[in-house]
């Protein structure tokens, strides 16, 4: 990238039905290529950005800054879910 602006999403005012989203919803739920079927992922928006927890990593996004931490074992993963999502096992 040259550091300049580039399009990431294209929005339109075209009305859509829920059924219009069914094919991609099915893909994300069933395809072995989908990030949602290859492992656990839990993401939460925060007042400052986002906290994302995967099987092996915690990613905290604040504005454009990102911090990552490895979740080295099940205890670290469970602690991340408890601290960022309030989920306890």
PDB file of N, CA and C in Angstrom:
ATOM      1  N   UNK A   1       0.834  -1.178   0.000  1.00  0.00           N
ATOM      2  CA  UNK A   1       0.000   0.000   0.000  1.00  0.00           C
ATOM      3  C   UNK A   1       0.880   1.243   0.000  1.00  0.00           C
ATOM      4  N   UNK A   2       0.391   2.271  -0.592  1.00  0.00           N
ATOM      5  CA  UNK A   2       1.156   3.509  -0.652  1.00  0.00           C
ATOM      6  C   UNK A   2       0.850   4.445   0.509  1.00  0.00           C
ATOM      7  N   UNK A   3       0.043   4.013   1.472  1.00  0.00           N
ATOM      8  CA  UNK A   3      -0.293   4.841   2.619  1.00  0.00           C
ATOM      9  C   UNK A   3      -1.470   5.772   2.363  1.00  0.00           C
ATOM     10  N   UNK A   4      -1.988   5.808   1.139  1.00  0.00           N
ATOM     11  CA  UNK A   4      -3.125   6.668   0.818  1.00  0.00           C
ATOM     12  C   UNK A   4      -4.442   5.996   1.148  1.00  0.00           C
ATOM     13  N   UNK A   5      -5.498   6.713   0.949  1.00  0.00           N
ATOM     14  CA  UNK A   5      -6.841   6.189   1.213  1.00  0.00           C
ATOM     15  C   UNK A   5      -7.197   5.148   0.170  1.00  0.00           C
ATOM     16  N   UNK A   6      -7.979   4.168   0.582  1.00  0.00           N
ATOM     17  CA  UNK A   6      -8.494   3.168  -0.337  1.00  0.00           C
ATOM     18  C   UNK A   6      -9.849   2.686   0.174  1.00  0.00           C
ATOM     19  N   UNK A   7     -10.683   2.232  -0.746  1.00  0.00           N
ATOM     20  CA  UNK A   7     -12.006   1.752  -0.383  1.00  0.00           C
ATOM     21  C   UNK A   7     -11.939   0.410   0.322  1.00  0.00           C
ATOM     22  N   UNK A   8     -12.734   0.253   1.340  1.00  0.00           N
ATOM     23  CA  UNK A   8     -12.802  -1.009   2.051  1.00  0.00           C
ATOM     24  C   UNK A   8     -14.209  -1.608   1.956  1.00  0.00           C
ATOM     25  N   UNK A   9     -15.207  -0.762   2.009  1.00  0.00           N
ATOM     26  CA  UNK A   9     -16.596  -1.182   1.908  1.00  0.00           C
ATOM     27  C   UNK A   9     -17.308  -0.292   0.916  1.00  0.00           C
ATOM     28  N   UNK A  10     -18.334  -0.838   0.309  1.00  0.00           N
ATOM     29  CA  UNK A  10     -19.183  -0.059  -0.578  1.00  0.00           C
ATOM     30  C   UNK A  10     -20.604  -0.141  -0.023  1.00  0.00           C
ATOM     31  N   UNK A  11     -21.187   0.972   0.282  1.00  0.00           N
ATOM     32  CA  UNK A  11     -22.528   1.038   0.853  1.00  0.00           C
ATOM     33  C   UNK A  11     -23.502   1.559  -0.193  1.00  0.00           C
ATOM     34  N   UNK A  12     -24.732   1.117  -0.093  1.00  0.00           N
ATOM     35  CA  UNK A  12     -25.763   1.623  -0.995  1.00  0.00           C
ATOM     36  C   UNK A  12     -27.087   1.707  -0.237  1.00  0.00           C
ATOM     37  N   UNK A  13     -28.004   2.424  -0.813  1.00  0.00           N
ATOM     38  CA  UNK A  13     -29.337   2.566  -0.224  1.00  0.00           C
ATOM     39  C   UNK A  13     -30.312   1.551  -0.822  1.00  0.00           C
ATOM     40  N   UNK A  14     -29.806   0.569  -1.553  1.00  0.00           N
ATOM     41  CA  UNK A  14     -30.653  -0.447  -2.169  1.00  0.00           C
ATOM     42  C   UNK A  14     -31.304  -1.305  -1.081  1.00  0.00           C
ATOM     43  N   UNK A  15     -32.620  -1.382  -1.068  1.00  0.00           N
ATOM     44  CA  UNK A  15     -33.285  -2.212  -0.061  1.00  0.00           C
ATOM     45  C   UNK A  15     -32.882  -3.682  -0.227  1.00  0.00           C
ATOM     46  N   UNK A  16     -32.731  -4.382   0.884  1.00  0.00           N
ATOM     47  CA  UNK A  16     -32.373  -5.799   0.880  1.00  0.00           C
ATOM     48  C   UNK A  16     -33.348  -6.564   1.768  1.00  0.00           C
ATOM     49  N   UNK A  17     -33.518  -7.847   1.459  1.00  0.00           N
ATOM     50  CA  UNK A  17     -34.309  -8.743   2.294  1.00  0.00           C
ATOM     51  C   UNK A  17     -33.334  -9.606   3.090  1.00  0.00           C
ATOM     52  N   UNK A  18     -33.792 -10.132   4.217  1.00  0.00           N
ATOM     53  CA  UNK A  18     -32.938 -11.015   5.008  1.00  0.00           C
ATOM     54  C   UNK A  18     -32.449 -12.186   4.165  1.00  0.00           C
ATOM     55  N   UNK A  19     -33.300 -12.688   3.289  1.00  0.00           N
ATOM     56  CA  UNK A  19     -32.930 -13.846   2.467  1.00  0.00           C
ATOM     57  C   UNK A  19     -31.766 -13.542   1.526  1.00  0.00           C
ATOM     58  N   UNK A  20     -31.526 -12.268   1.224  1.00  0.00           N
ATOM     59  CA  UNK A  20     -30.383 -11.901   0.377  1.00  0.00           C
ATOM     60  C   UNK A  20     -29.053 -12.263   1.033  1.00  0.00           C
ATOM     61  N   UNK A  21     -29.055 -12.361   2.343  1.00  0.00           N
ATOM     62  CA  UNK A  21     -27.818 -12.643   3.079  1.00  0.00           C
ATOM     63  C   UNK A  21     -27.629 -14.143   3.360  1.00  0.00           C
ATOM     64  N   UNK A  22     -28.616 -14.951   3.033  1.00  0.00           N
ATOM     65  CA  UNK A  22     -28.582 -16.378   3.360  1.00  0.00           C
ATOM     66  C   UNK A  22     -27.377 -17.121   2.769  1.00  0.00           C
ATOM     67  N   UNK A  23     -27.005 -16.905   1.491  1.00  0.00           N
ATOM     68  CA  UNK A  23     -25.866 -17.661   0.960  1.00  0.00           C
ATOM     69  C   UNK A  23     -24.552 -17.404   1.715  1.00  0.00           C
ATOM     70  N   UNK A  24     -24.248 -16.171   2.029  1.00  0.00           N
ATOM     71  CA  UNK A  24     -22.997 -15.890   2.747  1.00  0.00           C
ATOM     72  C   UNK A  24     -23.098 -16.319   4.199  1.00  0.00           C
ATOM     73  N   UNK A  25     -24.279 -16.245   4.785  1.00  0.00           N
ATOM     74  CA  UNK A  25     -24.468 -16.737   6.151  1.00  0.00           C
ATOM     75  C   UNK A  25     -24.193 -18.241   6.186  1.00  0.00           C
ATOM     76  N   UNK A  26     -24.719 -18.955   5.212  1.00  0.00           N
ATOM     77  CA  UNK A  26     -24.481 -20.397   5.123  1.00  0.00           C
ATOM     78  C   UNK A  26     -22.988 -20.682   4.955  1.00  0.00           C
ATOM     79  N   UNK A  27     -22.317 -19.931   4.101  1.00  0.00           N
ATOM     80  CA  UNK A  27     -20.876 -20.111   3.898  1.00  0.00           C
ATOM     81  C   UNK A  27     -20.123 -19.936   5.220  1.00  0.00           C
ATOM     82  N   UNK A  28     -20.378 -18.859   5.921  1.00  0.00           N
ATOM     83  CA  UNK A  28     -19.664 -18.582   7.167  1.00  0.00           C
ATOM     84  C   UNK A  28     -19.936 -19.652   8.229  1.00  0.00           C
ATOM     85  N   UNK A  29     -21.105 -20.268   8.189  1.00  0.00           N
ATOM     86  CA  UNK A  29     -21.456 -21.280   9.177  1.00  0.00           C
ATOM     87  C   UNK A  29     -20.938 -22.673   8.832  1.00  0.00           C
ATOM     88  N   UNK A  30     -20.669 -22.940   7.541  1.00  0.00           N
ATOM     89  CA  UNK A  30     -20.378 -24.314   7.150  1.00  0.00           C
ATOM     90  C   UNK A  30     -19.068 -24.531   6.406  1.00  0.00           C
ATOM     91  N   UNK A  31     -18.519 -23.547   5.753  1.00  0.00           N
ATOM     92  CA  UNK A  31     -17.338 -23.750   4.918  1.00  0.00           C
ATOM     93  C   UNK A  31     -16.084 -23.984   5.754  1.00  0.00           C
ATOM     94  N   UNK A  32     -15.274 -24.978   5.378  1.00  0.00           N
ATOM     95  CA  UNK A  32     -14.005 -25.180   6.074  1.00  0.00           C
ATOM     96  C   UNK A  32     -13.030 -24.027   5.854  1.00  0.00           C
ATOM     97  N   UNK A  33     -13.308 -23.156   4.891  1.00  0.00           N
ATOM     98  CA  UNK A  33     -12.457 -21.987   4.636  1.00  0.00           C
ATOM     99  C   UNK A  33     -12.863 -20.778   5.479  1.00  0.00           C
ATOM    100  N   UNK A  34     -14.019 -20.837   6.108  1.00  0.00           N
ATOM    101  CA  UNK A  34     -14.507 -19.727   6.922  1.00  0.00           C
ATOM    102  C   UNK A  34     -13.751 -19.656   8.242  1.00  0.00           C
ATOM    103  N   UNK A  35     -13.390 -18.467   8.643  1.00  0.00           N
ATOM    104  CA  UNK A  35     -12.733 -18.287   9.928  1.00  0.00           C
ATOM    105  C   UNK A  35     -13.595 -18.693  11.106  1.00  0.00           C
ATOM    106  N   UNK A  36     -14.888 -18.765  10.894  1.00  0.00           N
ATOM    107  CA  UNK A  36     -15.803 -19.108  11.977  1.00  0.00           C
ATOM    108  C   UNK A  36     -15.929 -20.607  12.191  1.00  0.00           C
ATOM    109  N   UNK A  37     -15.461 -21.421  11.249  1.00  0.00           N
ATOM    110  CA  UNK A  37     -15.529 -22.872  11.424  1.00  0.00           C
ATOM    111  C   UNK A  37     -14.162 -23.476  11.733  1.00  0.00           C
ATOM    112  N   UNK A  38     -13.114 -22.691  11.650  1.00  0.00           N
ATOM    113  CA  UNK A  38     -11.765 -23.211  11.867  1.00  0.00           C
ATOM    114  C   UNK A  38     -11.306 -23.086  13.313  1.00  0.00           C
ATOM    115  N   UNK A  39     -12.090 -22.458  14.150  1.00  0.00           N
ATOM    116  CA  UNK A  39     -11.710 -22.314  15.549  1.00  0.00           C
ATOM    117  C   UNK A  39     -12.680 -21.388  16.249  1.00  0.00           C
ATOM    118  N   UNK A  40     -12.447 -21.211  17.530  1.00  0.00           N
ATOM    119  CA  UNK A  40     -13.289 -20.330  18.324  1.00  0.00           C
ATOM    120  C   UNK A  40     -12.903 -18.874  18.087  1.00  0.00           C
ATOM    121  N   UNK A  41     -13.904 -18.023  18.031  1.00  0.00           N
ATOM    122  CA  UNK A  41     -13.668 -16.584  17.957  1.00  0.00           C
ATOM    123  C   UNK A  41     -14.801 -15.886  18.704  1.00  0.00           C
ATOM    124  N   UNK A  42     -14.421 -14.924  19.511  1.00  0.00           N
ATOM    125  CA  UNK A  42     -15.382 -14.147  20.280  1.00  0.00           C
ATOM    126  C   UNK A  42     -14.915 -12.693  20.200  1.00  0.00           C
ATOM    127  N   UNK A  43     -15.766 -11.812  19.725  1.00  0.00           N
ATOM    128  CA  UNK A  43     -15.368 -10.424  19.552  1.00  0.00           C
ATOM    129  C   UNK A  43     -16.421  -9.508  20.161  1.00  0.00           C
ATOM    130  N   UNK A  44     -15.954  -8.483  20.838  1.00  0.00           N
ATOM    131  CA  UNK A  44     -16.840  -7.560  21.536  1.00  0.00           C
ATOM    132  C   UNK A  44     -16.409  -6.134  21.232  1.00  0.00           C
ATOM    133  N   UNK A  45     -17.348  -5.315  20.823  1.00  0.00           N
ATOM    134  CA  UNK A  45     -17.026  -3.902  20.684  1.00  0.00           C
ATOM    135  C   UNK A  45     -16.945  -3.295  22.080  1.00  0.00           C
ATOM    136  N   UNK A  46     -16.034  -2.358  22.227  1.00  0.00           N
ATOM    137  CA  UNK A  46     -15.867  -1.645  23.492  1.00  0.00           C
ATOM    138  C   UNK A  46     -16.059  -0.162  23.218  1.00  0.00           C
ATOM    139  N   UNK A  47     -16.062   0.643  24.254  1.00  0.00           N
ATOM    140  CA  UNK A  47     -16.211   2.087  24.056  1.00  0.00           C
ATOM    141  C   UNK A  47     -15.024   2.661  23.296  1.00  0.00           C
ATOM    142  N   UNK A  48     -13.884   1.975  23.351  1.00  0.00           N
ATOM    143  CA  UNK A  48     -12.672   2.483  22.705  1.00  0.00           C
ATOM    144  C   UNK A  48     -12.272   1.690  21.463  1.00  0.00           C
ATOM    145  N   UNK A  49     -12.938   0.570  21.166  1.00  0.00           N
ATOM    146  CA  UNK A  49     -12.535  -0.246  20.028  1.00  0.00           C
ATOM    147  C   UNK A  49     -13.144  -1.627  20.064  1.00  0.00           C
ATOM    148  N   UNK A  50     -12.283  -2.653  20.182  1.00  0.00           N
ATOM    149  CA  UNK A  50     -12.754  -4.031  20.108  1.00  0.00           C
ATOM    150  C   UNK A  50     -11.804  -4.948  20.866  1.00  0.00           C
ATOM    151  N   UNK A  51     -12.366  -5.990  21.479  1.00  0.00           N
ATOM    152  CA  UNK A  51     -11.583  -7.065  22.091  1.00  0.00           C
ATOM    153  C   UNK A  51     -11.970  -8.351  21.366  1.00  0.00           C
ATOM    154  N   UNK A  52     -10.991  -9.035  20.792  1.00  0.00           N
ATOM    155  CA  UNK A  52     -11.236 -10.272  20.058  1.00  0.00           C
ATOM    156  C   UNK A  52     -10.425 -11.393  20.691  1.00  0.00           C
ATOM    157  N   UNK A  53     -11.102 -12.497  20.959  1.00  0.00           N
ATOM    158  CA  UNK A  53     -10.482 -13.660  21.570  1.00  0.00           C
ATOM    159  C   UNK A  53     -10.627 -14.833  20.604  1.00  0.00           C
ATOM    160  N   UNK A  54      -9.497 -15.426  20.234  1.00  0.00           N
ATOM    161  CA  UNK A  54      -9.514 -16.635  19.418  1.00  0.00           C
ATOM    162  C   UNK A  54      -8.968 -17.779  20.267  1.00  0.00           C
ATOM    163  N   UNK A  55      -8.780 -18.930  19.658  1.00  0.00           N
ATOM    164  CA  UNK A  55      -8.258 -20.078  20.400  1.00  0.00           C
ATOM    165  C   UNK A  55      -6.907 -19.791  21.029  1.00  0.00           C
ATOM    166  N   UNK A  56      -6.097 -18.961  20.366  1.00  0.00           N
ATOM    167  CA  UNK A  56      -4.718 -18.800  20.804  1.00  0.00           C
ATOM    168  C   UNK A  56      -4.287 -17.363  21.048  1.00  0.00           C
ATOM    169  N   UNK A  57      -5.177 -16.388  20.837  1.00  0.00           N
ATOM    170  CA  UNK A  57      -4.732 -15.007  20.890  1.00  0.00           C
ATOM    171  C   UNK A  57      -5.827 -14.077  21.399  1.00  0.00           C
ATOM    172  N   UNK A  58      -5.401 -13.056  22.107  1.00  0.00           N
ATOM    173  CA  UNK A  58      -6.258 -11.949  22.532  1.00  0.00           C
ATOM    174  C   UNK A  58      -5.780 -10.723  21.780  1.00  0.00           C
ATOM    175  N   UNK A  59      -6.678 -10.070  21.070  1.00  0.00           N
ATOM    176  CA  UNK A  59      -6.346  -8.872  20.304  1.00  0.00           C
ATOM    177  C   UNK A  59      -7.209  -7.726  20.812  1.00  0.00           C
ATOM    178  N   UNK A  60      -6.564  -6.692  21.322  1.00  0.00           N
ATOM    179  CA  UNK A  60      -7.261  -5.493  21.805  1.00  0.00           C
ATOM    180  C   UNK A  60      -6.991  -4.380  20.806  1.00  0.00           C
ATOM    181  N   UNK A  61      -8.057  -3.841  20.229  1.00  0.00           N
ATOM    182  CA  UNK A  61      -7.942  -2.744  19.275  1.00  0.00           C
ATOM    183  C   UNK A  61      -8.517  -1.496  19.909  1.00  0.00           C
ATOM    184  N   UNK A  62      -7.719  -0.439  19.935  1.00  0.00           N
ATOM    185  CA  UNK A  62      -8.147   0.871  20.433  1.00  0.00           C
ATOM    186  C   UNK A  62      -7.807   1.877  19.344  1.00  0.00           C
ATOM    187  N   UNK A  63      -8.844   2.383  18.668  1.00  0.00           N
ATOM    188  CA  UNK A  63      -8.586   3.265  17.533  1.00  0.00           C
ATOM    189  C   UNK A  63      -7.820   2.491  16.470  1.00  0.00           C
ATOM    190  N   UNK A  64      -6.631   2.969  16.122  1.00  0.00           N
ATOM    191  CA  UNK A  64      -5.800   2.274  15.138  1.00  0.00           C
ATOM    192  C   UNK A  64      -4.710   1.434  15.801  1.00  0.00           C
ATOM    193  N   UNK A  65      -4.609   1.503  17.117  1.00  0.00           N
ATOM    194  CA  UNK A  65      -3.582   0.758  17.850  1.00  0.00           C
ATOM    195  C   UNK A  65      -4.089  -0.638  18.201  1.00  0.00           C
ATOM    196  N   UNK A  66      -3.219  -1.638  18.019  1.00  0.00           N
ATOM    197  CA  UNK A  66      -3.577  -3.009  18.374  1.00  0.00           C
ATOM    198  C   UNK A  66      -2.524  -3.593  19.312  1.00  0.00           C
ATOM    199  N   UNK A  67      -3.011  -4.287  20.318  1.00  0.00           N
ATOM    200  CA  UNK A  67      -2.132  -5.033  21.231  1.00  0.00           C
ATOM    201  C   UNK A  67      -2.543  -6.486  21.158  1.00  0.00           C
ATOM    202  N   UNK A  68      -1.565  -7.374  21.134  1.00  0.00           N
ATOM    203  CA  UNK A  68      -1.835  -8.796  21.063  1.00  0.00           C
ATOM    204  C   UNK A  68      -1.184  -9.516  22.232  1.00  0.00           C
ATOM    205  N   UNK A  69      -1.838 -10.557  22.665  1.00  0.00           N
ATOM    206  CA  UNK A  69      -1.274 -11.406  23.708  1.00  0.00           C
ATOM    207  C   UNK A  69      -1.583 -12.856  23.355  1.00  0.00           C
ATOM    208  N   UNK A  70      -0.585 -13.708  23.484  1.00  0.00           N
ATOM    209  CA  UNK A  70      -0.804 -15.133  23.255  1.00  0.00           C
ATOM    210  C   UNK A  70      -1.572 -15.723  24.423  1.00  0.00           C
ATOM    211  N   UNK A  71      -2.529 -16.562  24.108  1.00  0.00           N
ATOM    212  CA  UNK A  71      -3.255 -17.312  25.125  1.00  0.00           C
ATOM    213  C   UNK A  71      -2.630 -18.707  25.123  1.00  0.00           C
ATOM    214  N   UNK A  72      -1.697 -18.913  26.018  1.00  0.00           N
ATOM    215  CA  UNK A  72      -0.813 -20.070  25.967  1.00  0.00           C
ATOM    216  C   UNK A  72      -1.428 -21.375  26.461  1.00  0.00           C
ATOM    217  N   UNK A  73      -2.539 -21.270  27.200  1.00  0.00           N
ATOM    218  CA  UNK A  73      -3.169 -22.493  27.691  1.00  0.00           C
ATOM    219  C   UNK A  73      -4.647 -22.222  27.948  1.00  0.00           C
ATOM    220  N   UNK A  74      -5.354 -23.256  28.342  1.00  0.00           N
ATOM    221  CA  UNK A  74      -6.799 -23.133  28.555  1.00  0.00           C
ATOM    222  C   UNK A  74      -7.133 -22.146  29.669  1.00  0.00           C
ATOM    223  N   UNK A  75      -6.285 -22.049  30.678  1.00  0.00           N
ATOM    224  CA  UNK A  75      -6.532 -21.111  31.783  1.00  0.00           C
ATOM    225  C   UNK A  75      -6.455 -19.666  31.287  1.00  0.00           C
ATOM    226  N   UNK A  76      -5.496 -19.356  30.418  1.00  0.00           N
ATOM    227  CA  UNK A  76      -5.367 -18.001  29.871  1.00  0.00           C
ATOM    228  C   UNK A  76      -6.559 -17.671  28.983  1.00  0.00           C
ATOM    229  N   UNK A  77      -7.010 -18.649  28.197  1.00  0.00           N
ATOM    230  CA  UNK A  77      -8.167 -18.460  27.323  1.00  0.00           C
ATOM    231  C   UNK A  77      -9.423 -18.209  28.160  1.00  0.00           C
ATOM    232  N   UNK A  78      -9.621 -19.013  29.203  1.00  0.00           N
ATOM    233  CA  UNK A  78     -10.783 -18.852  30.079  1.00  0.00           C
ATOM    234  C   UNK A  78     -10.740 -17.504  30.793  1.00  0.00           C
ATOM    235  N   UNK A  79      -9.551 -17.056  31.204  1.00  0.00           N
ATOM    236  CA  UNK A  79      -9.420 -15.756  31.874  1.00  0.00           C
ATOM    237  C   UNK A  79      -9.770 -14.625  30.916  1.00  0.00           C
ATOM    238  N   UNK A  80      -9.354 -14.729  29.660  1.00  0.00           N
ATOM    239  CA  UNK A  80      -9.678 -13.690  28.678  1.00  0.00           C
ATOM    240  C   UNK A  80     -11.184 -13.625  28.458  1.00  0.00           C
ATOM    241  N   UNK A  81     -11.837 -14.773  28.322  1.00  0.00           N
ATOM    242  CA  UNK A  81     -13.298 -14.779  28.159  1.00  0.00           C
ATOM    243  C   UNK A  81     -13.993 -14.183  29.372  1.00  0.00           C
ATOM    244  N   UNK A  82     -13.504 -14.510  30.554  1.00  0.00           N
ATOM    245  CA  UNK A  82     -14.111 -13.987  31.790  1.00  0.00           C
ATOM    246  C   UNK A  82     -13.905 -12.478  31.886  1.00  0.00           C
ATOM    247  N   UNK A  83     -12.694 -12.014  31.608  1.00  0.00           N
ATOM    248  CA  UNK A  83     -12.367 -10.584  31.772  1.00  0.00           C
ATOM    249  C   UNK A  83     -13.000  -9.696  30.716  1.00  0.00           C
ATOM    250  N   UNK A  84     -13.098 -10.171  29.477  1.00  0.00           N
ATOM    251  CA  UNK A  84     -13.577  -9.313  28.395  1.00  0.00           C
ATOM    252  C   UNK A  84     -15.009  -9.583  28.001  1.00  0.00           C
ATOM    253  N   UNK A  85     -15.550 -10.759  28.334  1.00  0.00           N
ATOM    254  CA  UNK A  85     -16.918 -11.093  27.931  1.00  0.00           C
ATOM    255  C   UNK A  85     -17.798 -11.473  29.105  1.00  0.00           C
ATOM    256  N   UNK A  86     -17.230 -11.641  30.289  1.00  0.00           N
ATOM    257  CA  UNK A  86     -18.027 -12.044  31.436  1.00  0.00           C
ATOM    258  C   UNK A  86     -18.486 -13.486  31.359  1.00  0.00           C
ATOM    259  N   UNK A  87     -17.784 -14.294  30.558  1.00  0.00           N
ATOM    260  CA  UNK A  87     -18.127 -15.710  30.405  1.00  0.00           C
ATOM    261  C   UNK A  87     -17.237 -16.509  31.329  1.00  0.00           C
ATOM    262  N   UNK A  88     -17.855 -17.293  32.184  1.00  0.00           N
ATOM    263  CA  UNK A  88     -17.096 -18.129  33.114  1.00  0.00           C
ATOM    264  C   UNK A  88     -17.462 -19.581  32.906  1.00  0.00           C
ATOM    265  N   UNK A  89     -16.471 -20.437  33.009  1.00  0.00           N
ATOM    266  CA  UNK A  89     -16.677 -21.878  32.873  1.00  0.00           C
ATOM    267  C   UNK A  89     -16.646 -22.525  34.225  1.00  0.00           C
TER     268      UNK A  89
END
